[in-house]
Structures are given as structure tokens and as C-alpha cells.
Amino acid sequence: MRPSTLRALKRAAELTRQNRLTEAVLIAEPVILAADTYEGDEILRWLADHVTDFTGETGNDQKESQ
């Protein structure tokens, strides 16, 4: 994945945690749409591996709420 793509995804995650979803989408969407098939697969893997970057939750948070 290109460094600029990774920076955009990380910034989008940060904005999402701050409840600034519209700004997060404005940053991430163009990067995602411009990705080729290979990079798109990398983005999907990164997003799946970093869900908690967007939610701010950890595995411990879920256990405490159950």
C-alpha cells in the first residue's frame, strides 16, 4: 500500500474516533476509489485488521460491557 494511502486511512480513523465522520469519509473515499485491485485488497485487509482504530474500543471494552 502506498504511504499516502496509509496516511489517509490513519487520519480517517483518527477523525472517526473524534466523531468527525463526514471529514473522515472525505479523506478516505478518494483514496479508496483510486486504488487499483491490488491496493484495494491491501486496504480491505488493513481495515479489517484495524477496526478498533476507528471505534477506539479494545477487546477489554467488549468484555466489560457483557
PDB file of N, CA and C in Angstrom:
ATOM      1  N   MET A   1       0.846  -1.168   0.000  1.00  0.00           N
ATOM      2  CA  MET A   1       0.000   0.000   0.000  1.00  0.00           C
ATOM      3  C   MET A   1       0.897   1.239   0.000  1.00  0.00           C
ATOM      4  N   ARG A   2       0.496   2.214  -0.761  1.00  0.00           N
ATOM      5  CA  ARG A   2       1.285   3.442  -0.829  1.00  0.00           C
ATOM      6  C   ARG A   2       1.256   4.162   0.518  1.00  0.00           C
ATOM      7  N   PRO A   3       2.351   4.809   0.875  1.00  0.00           N
ATOM      8  CA  PRO A   3       2.386   5.554   2.144  1.00  0.00           C
ATOM      9  C   PRO A   3       1.284   6.616   2.239  1.00  0.00           C
ATOM     10  N   SER A   4       0.970   7.264   1.138  1.00  0.00           N
ATOM     11  CA  SER A   4      -0.079   8.288   1.167  1.00  0.00           C
ATOM     12  C   SER A   4      -1.448   7.670   1.461  1.00  0.00           C
ATOM     13  N   THR A   5      -1.679   6.461   0.973  1.00  0.00           N
ATOM     14  CA  THR A   5      -2.936   5.765   1.255  1.00  0.00           C
ATOM     15  C   THR A   5      -3.023   5.422   2.732  1.00  0.00           C
ATOM     16  N   LEU A   6      -1.938   4.899   3.273  1.00  0.00           N
ATOM     17  CA  LEU A   6      -1.910   4.541   4.688  1.00  0.00           C
ATOM     18  C   LEU A   6      -2.123   5.775   5.568  1.00  0.00           C
ATOM     19  N   ARG A   7      -1.485   6.881   5.224  1.00  0.00           N
ATOM     20  CA  ARG A   7      -1.668   8.126   5.990  1.00  0.00           C
ATOM     21  C   ARG A   7      -3.131   8.562   5.960  1.00  0.00           C
ATOM     22  N   ALA A   8      -3.763   8.469   4.810  1.00  0.00           N
ATOM     23  CA  ALA A   8      -5.168   8.866   4.685  1.00  0.00           C
ATOM     24  C   ALA A   8      -6.068   7.969   5.537  1.00  0.00           C
ATOM     25  N   LEU A   9      -5.816   6.675   5.527  1.00  0.00           N
ATOM     26  CA  LEU A   9      -6.620   5.752   6.327  1.00  0.00           C
ATOM     27  C   LEU A   9      -6.438   6.008   7.816  1.00  0.00           C
ATOM     28  N   LYS A  10      -5.206   6.238   8.225  1.00  0.00           N
ATOM     29  CA  LYS A  10      -4.939   6.524   9.642  1.00  0.00           C
ATOM     30  C   LYS A  10      -5.603   7.831  10.063  1.00  0.00           C
ATOM     31  N   ARG A  11      -5.558   8.831   9.213  1.00  0.00           N
ATOM     32  CA  ARG A  11      -6.201  10.116   9.526  1.00  0.00           C
ATOM     33  C   ARG A  11      -7.714   9.944   9.592  1.00  0.00           C
ATOM     34  N   ALA A  12      -8.270   9.155   8.693  1.00  0.00           N
ATOM     35  CA  ALA A  12      -9.707   8.892   8.713  1.00  0.00           C
ATOM     36  C   ALA A  12     -10.104   8.190  10.010  1.00  0.00           C
ATOM     37  N   ALA A  13      -9.279   7.269  10.463  1.00  0.00           N
ATOM     38  CA  ALA A  13      -9.558   6.580  11.723  1.00  0.00           C
ATOM     39  C   ALA A  13      -9.545   7.572  12.885  1.00  0.00           C
ATOM     40  N   GLU A  14      -8.559   8.446  12.882  1.00  0.00           N
ATOM     41  CA  GLU A  14      -8.460   9.451  13.944  1.00  0.00           C
ATOM     42  C   GLU A  14      -9.704  10.355  13.958  1.00  0.00           C
ATOM     43  N   LEU A  15     -10.116  10.808  12.796  1.00  0.00           N
ATOM     44  CA  LEU A  15     -11.294  11.666  12.708  1.00  0.00           C
ATOM     45  C   LEU A  15     -12.563  10.928  13.131  1.00  0.00           C
ATOM     46  N   THR A  16     -12.658   9.660  12.788  1.00  0.00           N
ATOM     47  CA  THR A  16     -13.827   8.862  13.173  1.00  0.00           C
ATOM     48  C   THR A  16     -13.915   8.751  14.689  1.00  0.00           C
ATOM     49  N   ARG A  17     -12.791   8.511  15.340  1.00  0.00           N
ATOM     50  CA  ARG A  17     -12.779   8.435  16.811  1.00  0.00           C
ATOM     51  C   ARG A  17     -13.222   9.755  17.439  1.00  0.00           C
ATOM     52  N   GLN A  18     -13.017  10.854  16.720  1.00  0.00           N
ATOM     53  CA  GLN A  18     -13.414  12.180  17.215  1.00  0.00           C
ATOM     54  C   GLN A  18     -14.840  12.537  16.787  1.00  0.00           C
ATOM     55  N   ASN A  19     -15.577  11.547  16.285  1.00  0.00           N
ATOM     56  CA  ASN A  19     -16.955  11.735  15.803  1.00  0.00           C
ATOM     57  C   ASN A  19     -17.034  12.745  14.662  1.00  0.00           C
ATOM     58  N   ARG A  20     -16.014  12.753  13.821  1.00  0.00           N
ATOM     59  CA  ARG A  20     -15.984  13.633  12.652  1.00  0.00           C
ATOM     60  C   ARG A  20     -16.038  12.765  11.396  1.00  0.00           C
ATOM     61  N   LEU A  21     -17.140  12.022  11.291  1.00  0.00           N
ATOM     62  CA  LEU A  21     -17.283  11.011  10.245  1.00  0.00           C
ATOM     63  C   LEU A  21     -17.288  11.611   8.840  1.00  0.00           C
ATOM     64  N   THR A  22     -17.944  12.736   8.666  1.00  0.00           N
ATOM     65  CA  THR A  22     -18.001  13.346   7.337  1.00  0.00           C
ATOM     66  C   THR A  22     -16.600  13.675   6.832  1.00  0.00           C
ATOM     67  N   GLU A  23     -15.784  14.261   7.696  1.00  0.00           N
ATOM     68  CA  GLU A  23     -14.410  14.580   7.305  1.00  0.00           C
ATOM     69  C   GLU A  23     -13.603  13.315   7.029  1.00  0.00           C
ATOM     70  N   ALA A  24     -13.846  12.286   7.828  1.00  0.00           N
ATOM     71  CA  ALA A  24     -13.140  11.020   7.636  1.00  0.00           C
ATOM     72  C   ALA A  24     -13.445  10.434   6.260  1.00  0.00           C
ATOM     73  N   VAL A  25     -14.713  10.469   5.885  1.00  0.00           N
ATOM     74  CA  VAL A  25     -15.111   9.940   4.584  1.00  0.00           C
ATOM     75  C   VAL A  25     -14.513  10.780   3.453  1.00  0.00           C
ATOM     76  N   LEU A  26     -14.505  12.098   3.629  1.00  0.00           N
ATOM     77  CA  LEU A  26     -13.934  12.970   2.598  1.00  0.00           C
ATOM     78  C   LEU A  26     -12.454  12.695   2.363  1.00  0.00           C
ATOM     79  N   ILE A  27     -11.761  12.244   3.384  1.00  0.00           N
ATOM     80  CA  ILE A  27     -10.341  11.921   3.250  1.00  0.00           C
ATOM     81  C   ILE A  27     -10.149  10.518   2.684  1.00  0.00           C
ATOM     82  N   ALA A  28     -10.892   9.549   3.193  1.00  0.00           N
ATOM     83  CA  ALA A  28     -10.661   8.147   2.819  1.00  0.00           C
ATOM     84  C   ALA A  28     -11.279   7.758   1.476  1.00  0.00           C
ATOM     85  N   GLU A  29     -12.437   8.282   1.174  1.00  0.00           N
ATOM     86  CA  GLU A  29     -13.142   7.834  -0.029  1.00  0.00           C
ATOM     87  C   GLU A  29     -12.345   8.008  -1.322  1.00  0.00           C
ATOM     88  N   PRO A  30     -11.751   9.168  -1.589  1.00  0.00           N
ATOM     89  CA  PRO A  30     -10.999   9.312  -2.847  1.00  0.00           C
ATOM     90  C   PRO A  30      -9.820   8.350  -2.948  1.00  0.00           C
ATOM     91  N   VAL A  31      -9.185   8.086  -1.829  1.00  0.00           N
ATOM     92  CA  VAL A  31      -8.036   7.167  -1.809  1.00  0.00           C
ATOM     93  C   VAL A  31      -8.500   5.749  -2.123  1.00  0.00           C
ATOM     94  N   ILE A  32      -9.601   5.367  -1.522  1.00  0.00           N
ATOM     95  CA  ILE A  32     -10.136   4.024  -1.742  1.00  0.00           C
ATOM     96  C   ILE A  32     -10.605   3.861  -3.189  1.00  0.00           C
ATOM     97  N   LEU A  33     -11.295   4.872  -3.697  1.00  0.00           N
ATOM     98  CA  LEU A  33     -11.799   4.787  -5.069  1.00  0.00           C
ATOM     99  C   LEU A  33     -10.682   4.793  -6.112  1.00  0.00           C
ATOM    100  N   ALA A  34      -9.561   5.415  -5.799  1.00  0.00           N
ATOM    101  CA  ALA A  34      -8.447   5.497  -6.746  1.00  0.00           C
ATOM    102  C   ALA A  34      -7.548   4.264  -6.715  1.00  0.00           C
ATOM    103  N   ALA A  35      -7.743   3.396  -5.741  1.00  0.00           N
ATOM    104  CA  ALA A  35      -6.880   2.226  -5.591  1.00  0.00           C
ATOM    105  C   ALA A  35      -7.118   1.221  -6.716  1.00  0.00           C
ATOM    106  N   ASP A  36      -6.026   0.603  -7.163  1.00  0.00           N
ATOM    107  CA  ASP A  36      -6.168  -0.487  -8.121  1.00  0.00           C
ATOM    108  C   ASP A  36      -6.586  -1.748  -7.361  1.00  0.00           C
ATOM    109  N   THR A  37      -6.772  -2.834  -8.061  1.00  0.00           N
ATOM    110  CA  THR A  37      -7.247  -4.068  -7.432  1.00  0.00           C
ATOM    111  C   THR A  37      -6.308  -4.543  -6.326  1.00  0.00           C
ATOM    112  N   TYR A  38      -5.007  -4.519  -6.597  1.00  0.00           N
ATOM    113  CA  TYR A  38      -4.042  -4.985  -5.605  1.00  0.00           C
ATOM    114  C   TYR A  38      -4.087  -4.114  -4.351  1.00  0.00           C
ATOM    115  N   GLU A  39      -4.033  -2.800  -4.543  1.00  0.00           N
ATOM    116  CA  GLU A  39      -4.057  -1.911  -3.382  1.00  0.00           C
ATOM    117  C   GLU A  39      -5.413  -1.976  -2.678  1.00  0.00           C
ATOM    118  N   GLY A  40      -6.473  -2.150  -3.439  1.00  0.00           N
ATOM    119  CA  GLY A  40      -7.791  -2.293  -2.839  1.00  0.00           C
ATOM    120  C   GLY A  40      -7.857  -3.480  -1.890  1.00  0.00           C
ATOM    121  N   ASP A  41      -7.236  -4.580  -2.284  1.00  0.00           N
ATOM    122  CA  ASP A  41      -7.171  -5.756  -1.400  1.00  0.00           C
ATOM    123  C   ASP A  41      -6.380  -5.441  -0.139  1.00  0.00           C
ATOM    124  N   GLU A  42      -5.284  -4.704  -0.288  1.00  0.00           N
ATOM    125  CA  GLU A  42      -4.486  -4.315   0.876  1.00  0.00           C
ATOM    126  C   GLU A  42      -5.286  -3.405   1.812  1.00  0.00           C
ATOM    127  N   ILE A  43      -6.042  -2.496   1.236  1.00  0.00           N
ATOM    128  CA  ILE A  43      -6.872  -1.590   2.035  1.00  0.00           C
ATOM    129  C   ILE A  43      -7.911  -2.387   2.819  1.00  0.00           C
ATOM    130  N   LEU A  44      -8.567  -3.337   2.153  1.00  0.00           N
ATOM    131  CA  LEU A  44      -9.560  -4.168   2.845  1.00  0.00           C
ATOM    132  C   LEU A  44      -8.937  -4.929   4.015  1.00  0.00           C
ATOM    133  N   ARG A  45      -7.759  -5.504   3.795  1.00  0.00           N
ATOM    134  CA  ARG A  45      -7.075  -6.213   4.880  1.00  0.00           C
ATOM    135  C   ARG A  45      -6.723  -5.262   6.016  1.00  0.00           C
ATOM    136  N   TRP A  46      -6.218  -4.077   5.671  1.00  0.00           N
ATOM    137  CA  TRP A  46      -5.835  -3.104   6.692  1.00  0.00           C
ATOM    138  C   TRP A  46      -7.058  -2.689   7.501  1.00  0.00           C
ATOM    139  N   LEU A  47      -8.168  -2.413   6.818  1.00  0.00           N
ATOM    140  CA  LEU A  47      -9.385  -2.015   7.521  1.00  0.00           C
ATOM    141  C   LEU A  47      -9.866  -3.120   8.460  1.00  0.00           C
ATOM    142  N   ALA A  48      -9.840  -4.353   7.995  1.00  0.00           N
ATOM    143  CA  ALA A  48     -10.267  -5.478   8.836  1.00  0.00           C
ATOM    144  C   ALA A  48      -9.360  -5.638  10.053  1.00  0.00           C
ATOM    145  N   ASP A  49      -8.075  -5.415   9.860  1.00  0.00           N
ATOM    146  CA  ASP A  49      -7.114  -5.560  10.953  1.00  0.00           C
ATOM    147  C   ASP A  49      -7.118  -4.378  11.917  1.00  0.00           C
ATOM    148  N   HIS A  50      -7.694  -3.254  11.510  1.00  0.00           N
ATOM    149  CA  HIS A  50      -7.622  -2.033  12.321  1.00  0.00           C
ATOM    150  C   HIS A  50      -8.998  -1.465  12.661  1.00  0.00           C
ATOM    151  N   VAL A  51      -9.971  -2.319  12.805  1.00  0.00           N
ATOM    152  CA  VAL A  51     -11.328  -1.862  13.138  1.00  0.00           C
ATOM    153  C   VAL A  51     -11.317  -1.021  14.400  1.00  0.00           C
ATOM    154  N   THR A  52     -10.575  -1.438  15.398  1.00  0.00           N
ATOM    155  CA  THR A  52     -10.566  -0.703  16.662  1.00  0.00           C
ATOM    156  C   THR A  52      -9.898   0.661  16.531  1.00  0.00           C
ATOM    157  N   ASP A  53      -9.113   0.883  15.477  1.00  0.00           N
ATOM    158  CA  ASP A  53      -8.565   2.220  15.240  1.00  0.00           C
ATOM    159  C   ASP A  53      -9.699   3.204  14.968  1.00  0.00           C
ATOM    160  N   PHE A  54     -10.783   2.719  14.389  1.00  0.00           N
ATOM    161  CA  PHE A  54     -11.917   3.572  14.060  1.00  0.00           C
ATOM    162  C   PHE A  54     -12.891   3.692  15.225  1.00  0.00           C
ATOM    163  N   THR A  55     -13.041   2.635  15.987  1.00  0.00           N
ATOM    164  CA  THR A  55     -14.019   2.653  17.076  1.00  0.00           C
ATOM    165  C   THR A  55     -13.432   3.149  18.382  1.00  0.00           C
ATOM    166  N   GLY A  56     -12.122   3.022  18.536  1.00  0.00           N
ATOM    167  CA  GLY A  56     -11.485   3.409  19.791  1.00  0.00           C
ATOM    168  C   GLY A  56     -11.678   2.375  20.885  1.00  0.00           C
ATOM    169  N   GLU A  57     -12.328   1.265  20.556  1.00  0.00           N
ATOM    170  CA  GLU A  57     -12.576   0.212  21.535  1.00  0.00           C
ATOM    171  C   GLU A  57     -11.441  -0.799  21.513  1.00  0.00           C
ATOM    172  N   THR A  58     -11.299  -1.487  22.624  1.00  0.00           N
ATOM    173  CA  THR A  58     -10.366  -2.600  22.692  1.00  0.00           C
ATOM    174  C   THR A  58     -11.161  -3.843  23.031  1.00  0.00           C
ATOM    175  N   GLY A  59     -10.526  -4.992  22.958  1.00  0.00           N
ATOM    176  CA  GLY A  59     -11.193  -6.233  23.315  1.00  0.00           C
ATOM    177  C   GLY A  59     -11.696  -6.204  24.751  1.00  0.00           C
ATOM    178  N   ASN A  60     -10.999  -5.486  25.612  1.00  0.00           N
ATOM    179  CA  ASN A  60     -11.401  -5.379  27.024  1.00  0.00           C
ATOM    180  C   ASN A  60     -12.697  -4.615  27.189  1.00  0.00           C
ATOM    181  N   ASP A  61     -12.952  -3.638  26.324  1.00  0.00           N
ATOM    182  CA  ASP A  61     -14.186  -2.857  26.395  1.00  0.00           C
ATOM    183  C   ASP A  61     -15.403  -3.741  26.190  1.00  0.00           C
ATOM    184  N   GLN A  62     -15.316  -4.681  25.243  1.00  0.00           N
ATOM    185  CA  GLN A  62     -16.437  -5.572  24.980  1.00  0.00           C
ATOM    186  C   GLN A  62     -16.702  -6.490  26.167  1.00  0.00           C
ATOM    187  N   LYS A  63     -15.645  -7.010  26.760  1.00  0.00           N
ATOM    188  CA  LYS A  63     -15.807  -7.917  27.893  1.00  0.00           C
ATOM    189  C   LYS A  63     -16.464  -7.210  29.073  1.00  0.00           C
ATOM    190  N   GLU A  64     -16.116  -5.954  29.295  1.00  0.00           N
ATOM    191  CA  GLU A  64     -16.676  -5.201  30.405  1.00  0.00           C
ATOM    192  C   GLU A  64     -18.146  -4.914  30.206  1.00  0.00           C
ATOM    193  N   SER A  65     -18.592  -4.745  28.954  1.00  0.00           N
ATOM    194  CA  SER A  65     -19.990  -4.385  28.703  1.00  0.00           C
ATOM    195  C   SER A  65     -20.912  -5.593  28.697  1.00  0.00           C
ATOM    196  N   GLN A  66     -20.361  -6.813  28.684  1.00  0.00           N
ATOM    197  CA  GLN A  66     -21.209  -8.017  28.649  1.00  0.00           C
ATOM    198  C   GLN A  66     -21.654  -8.419  30.018  1.00  0.00           C
TER     199      GLN A  66
END
